[in-house]
Amino acid sequence: MLDDDLAPRVGARLRSLRSERGLSLGALAADAGIGKGSLSEIERGVRSPNLSTLYALANALDLPLAWLLDEQPGAEVSSPGIETRLLGTTGSADDAVEVYTLRLTPDEAHRSPAHGPRTVEHLVVTRGTARVGREGEQREVSTGEHHSWLSDVEHTYEAVGGPCEAVLVIRQTGGA
């Protein structure tokens, strides 16, 4: 979930971009795989979306998650099994680098939907052990280790044996 101060800004950004692109509420909701009523509540700032919902919307709009988070360092969002904090961004909407801290809790895998075809994730574990990567190709990464993967398919993050902390860098590049 988003913090209460950020939810209205995320909703306004979504509504503005949907309008600019000439998308109906129903069309964006369908593209993101969420309910039309849920999207309406998010746009009005009365519902705080979780990380999975935000990624579904960002992917449907072909934008980095950080753009929906108003590119605000310190913005936090979570879903079961994962808490993220945006550290910073650089670049543009179609050539972006996003940097996050992650806190993973044991016994709850977070499944992230596929991102754009040229999106690569780099994860460095700072404490604990995580099982991460593309569905069916996950790898265990321990403190001080790094793993990267093309995130154009569903991928997972899961703490192994206890809580885990990591830094995640997501690079989304435009072009063919």
Protein backbone atom coordinates (compact mmCIF):
# COMPACT_ATOMS: atom_id res chain seq x y z
CA MET A 1 0.00 0.00 0.00
CA LEU A 2 1.03 3.61 -0.54
CA ASP A 3 1.41 6.11 2.23
CA ASP A 4 -1.64 8.34 2.63
CA ASP A 5 0.06 11.49 1.30
CA LEU A 6 1.13 9.85 -1.95
CA ALA A 7 -2.13 8.10 -2.92
CA PRO A 8 -3.90 11.30 -4.14
CA ARG A 9 -0.88 12.32 -6.24
CA VAL A 10 -0.68 8.87 -7.82
CA GLY A 11 -4.40 9.06 -8.60
CA ALA A 12 -4.07 12.49 -10.18
CA ARG A 13 -1.12 11.37 -12.32
CA LEU A 14 -3.07 8.32 -13.51
CA ARG A 15 -6.17 10.34 -14.33
CA SER A 16 -4.15 12.97 -16.19
CA LEU A 17 -2.20 10.46 -18.27
CA ARG A 18 -5.30 8.39 -19.04
CA SER A 19 -7.03 11.55 -20.26
CA GLU A 20 -4.00 12.65 -22.33
CA ARG A 21 -3.92 9.27 -24.05
CA GLY A 22 -7.67 9.26 -24.68
CA LEU A 23 -8.21 6.10 -22.65
CA SER A 24 -11.48 5.41 -20.92
CA LEU A 25 -11.51 4.28 -17.32
CA GLY A 26 -12.72 0.86 -18.48
CA ALA A 27 -10.00 0.52 -21.13
CA LEU A 28 -7.13 1.24 -18.72
CA ALA A 29 -8.67 -0.98 -16.05
CA ALA A 30 -9.00 -3.84 -18.56
CA ASP A 31 -5.43 -3.36 -19.83
CA ALA A 32 -4.14 -3.45 -16.25
CA GLY A 33 -6.35 -6.38 -15.24
CA ILE A 34 -8.03 -4.50 -12.39
CA GLY A 35 -11.63 -3.53 -11.74
CA LYS A 36 -13.02 -0.31 -13.19
CA GLY A 37 -14.39 0.68 -9.76
CA SER A 38 -10.96 0.09 -8.18
CA LEU A 39 -9.28 2.29 -10.78
CA SER A 40 -11.87 5.01 -10.22
CA GLU A 41 -11.19 4.93 -6.47
CA ILE A 42 -7.41 5.03 -7.06
CA GLU A 43 -7.77 8.02 -9.40
CA ARG A 44 -9.87 9.86 -6.81
CA GLY A 45 -7.24 9.13 -4.15
CA VAL A 46 -9.67 7.26 -1.90
CA ARG A 47 -8.03 3.86 -2.44
CA SER A 48 -4.37 3.15 -1.82
CA PRO A 49 -3.09 0.66 -4.40
CA ASN A 50 -0.56 -2.00 -3.46
CA LEU A 51 2.67 -2.68 -5.34
CA SER A 52 1.13 -5.31 -7.63
CA THR A 53 -1.67 -2.96 -8.69
CA LEU A 54 0.75 -0.10 -9.31
CA TYR A 55 2.96 -2.33 -11.47
CA ALA A 56 -0.09 -3.51 -13.42
CA LEU A 57 -1.04 0.12 -14.13
CA ALA A 58 2.54 1.18 -14.94
CA ASN A 59 2.91 -1.76 -17.33
CA ALA A 60 -0.42 -1.02 -19.01
CA LEU A 61 0.76 2.56 -19.57
CA ASP A 62 4.30 1.45 -20.55
CA LEU A 63 5.83 3.65 -17.83
CA PRO A 64 8.27 3.03 -15.00
CA LEU A 65 6.75 2.53 -11.57
CA ALA A 66 8.68 5.56 -10.29
CA TRP A 67 6.68 7.81 -12.61
CA LEU A 68 3.47 6.77 -10.86
CA LEU A 69 5.18 7.38 -7.51
CA ASP A 70 5.68 10.99 -8.62
CA GLU A 71 9.43 10.23 -8.68
CA GLN A 72 9.50 11.10 -4.97
CA PRO A 73 12.55 9.72 -3.16
CA GLY A 74 11.35 8.02 -0.01
CA ALA A 75 8.02 6.95 -1.53
CA GLU A 76 7.05 3.62 -0.02
CA VAL A 77 4.72 0.97 -1.38
CA SER A 78 4.17 -2.63 -0.36
CA SER A 79 2.38 -5.86 -1.13
CA PRO A 80 2.34 -9.11 0.83
CA GLY A 81 5.93 -10.27 1.22
CA ILE A 82 7.62 -7.08 0.00
CA GLU A 83 8.12 -3.47 1.02
CA THR A 84 9.85 -1.01 -1.31
CA ARG A 85 11.23 2.50 -0.92
CA LEU A 86 12.19 4.61 -3.93
CA LEU A 87 15.70 6.00 -3.51
CA GLY A 88 15.86 7.88 -6.80
CA THR A 89 15.45 7.95 -10.55
CA THR A 90 17.25 9.23 -13.58
CA GLY A 91 16.44 9.46 -17.28
CA SER A 92 13.06 9.77 -18.97
CA ALA A 93 9.87 7.71 -19.06
CA ASP A 94 11.19 5.57 -21.95
CA ASP A 95 14.85 5.38 -20.81
CA ALA A 96 14.73 5.24 -17.04
CA VAL A 97 16.76 3.95 -14.13
CA GLU A 98 14.94 3.45 -10.84
CA VAL A 99 16.66 2.58 -7.55
CA TYR A 100 14.76 1.00 -4.65
CA THR A 101 15.45 -0.63 -1.32
CA LEU A 102 13.52 -3.84 -0.72
CA ARG A 103 12.52 -5.61 2.47
CA LEU A 104 11.33 -9.16 1.91
CA THR A 105 9.52 -11.15 4.57
CA PRO A 106 9.77 -14.94 4.78
CA ASP A 107 6.93 -17.28 3.88
CA GLU A 108 5.42 -14.91 1.29
CA ALA A 109 6.69 -14.77 -2.30
CA HIS A 110 5.97 -11.60 -4.27
CA ARG A 111 5.16 -12.20 -7.93
CA SER A 112 5.81 -9.24 -10.16
CA PRO A 113 4.16 -9.09 -13.58
CA ALA A 114 6.20 -8.87 -16.76
CA HIS A 115 7.63 -5.44 -17.50
CA GLY A 116 8.53 -4.01 -20.90
CA PRO A 117 10.63 -6.02 -23.35
CA ARG A 118 13.81 -4.06 -22.56
CA THR A 119 13.61 -3.89 -18.78
CA VAL A 120 16.47 -5.39 -16.76
CA GLU A 121 16.53 -5.71 -12.98
CA HIS A 122 19.71 -5.82 -10.89
CA LEU A 123 19.45 -6.93 -7.27
CA VAL A 124 22.16 -6.76 -4.59
CA VAL A 125 21.32 -8.42 -1.29
CA THR A 126 22.50 -6.40 1.70
CA ARG A 127 21.16 -8.72 4.44
CA GLY A 128 19.85 -12.26 4.35
CA THR A 129 19.08 -14.46 1.37
CA ALA A 130 16.54 -13.99 -1.41
CA ARG A 131 15.26 -16.24 -4.17
CA VAL A 132 14.70 -13.95 -7.16
CA GLY A 133 14.41 -13.91 -10.91
CA ARG A 134 12.33 -14.95 -13.85
CA GLU A 135 9.61 -17.51 -13.23
CA GLY A 136 11.25 -20.95 -13.40
CA GLU A 137 14.77 -19.44 -13.39
CA GLN A 138 15.00 -18.07 -9.84
CA ARG A 139 18.34 -17.99 -8.10
CA GLU A 140 19.25 -17.75 -4.43
CA VAL A 141 21.29 -14.63 -3.70
CA SER A 142 22.93 -14.06 -0.29
CA THR A 143 24.41 -11.02 1.45
CA GLY A 144 26.87 -9.24 -0.87
CA GLU A 145 25.81 -11.15 -3.98
CA HIS A 146 24.19 -9.79 -7.14
CA HIS A 147 21.75 -11.20 -9.68
CA SER A 148 20.25 -9.58 -12.76
CA TRP A 149 17.56 -10.69 -15.19
CA LEU A 150 15.47 -9.50 -18.11
CA SER A 151 12.10 -8.87 -16.48
CA ASP A 152 9.91 -9.25 -19.57
CA VAL A 153 8.14 -12.22 -17.94
CA GLU A 154 6.65 -12.78 -14.48
CA HIS A 155 9.39 -12.79 -11.86
CA THR A 156 9.52 -13.34 -8.13
CA TYR A 157 11.13 -12.05 -4.95
CA GLU A 158 11.15 -14.24 -1.86
CA ALA A 159 13.08 -14.18 1.42
CA VAL A 160 14.75 -17.49 2.27
CA GLY A 161 15.23 -18.53 5.89
CA GLY A 162 14.44 -15.12 7.40
CA PRO A 163 13.96 -11.46 6.47
CA CYS A 164 16.00 -10.10 3.61
CA GLU A 165 17.04 -6.59 2.55
CA ALA A 166 18.32 -5.60 -0.87
CA VAL A 167 18.89 -2.79 -3.32
CA LEU A 168 17.09 -3.10 -6.66
CA VAL A 169 18.03 -1.15 -9.78
CA ILE A 170 15.53 -1.32 -12.65
CA ARG A 171 16.65 -0.15 -16.11
CA GLN A 172 13.96 0.36 -18.73
CA THR A 173 15.18 1.38 -22.16
CA GLY A 174 13.17 2.55 -25.16
CA GLY A 175 13.66 1.65 -28.77
CA ALA A 176 13.31 -1.59 -30.64
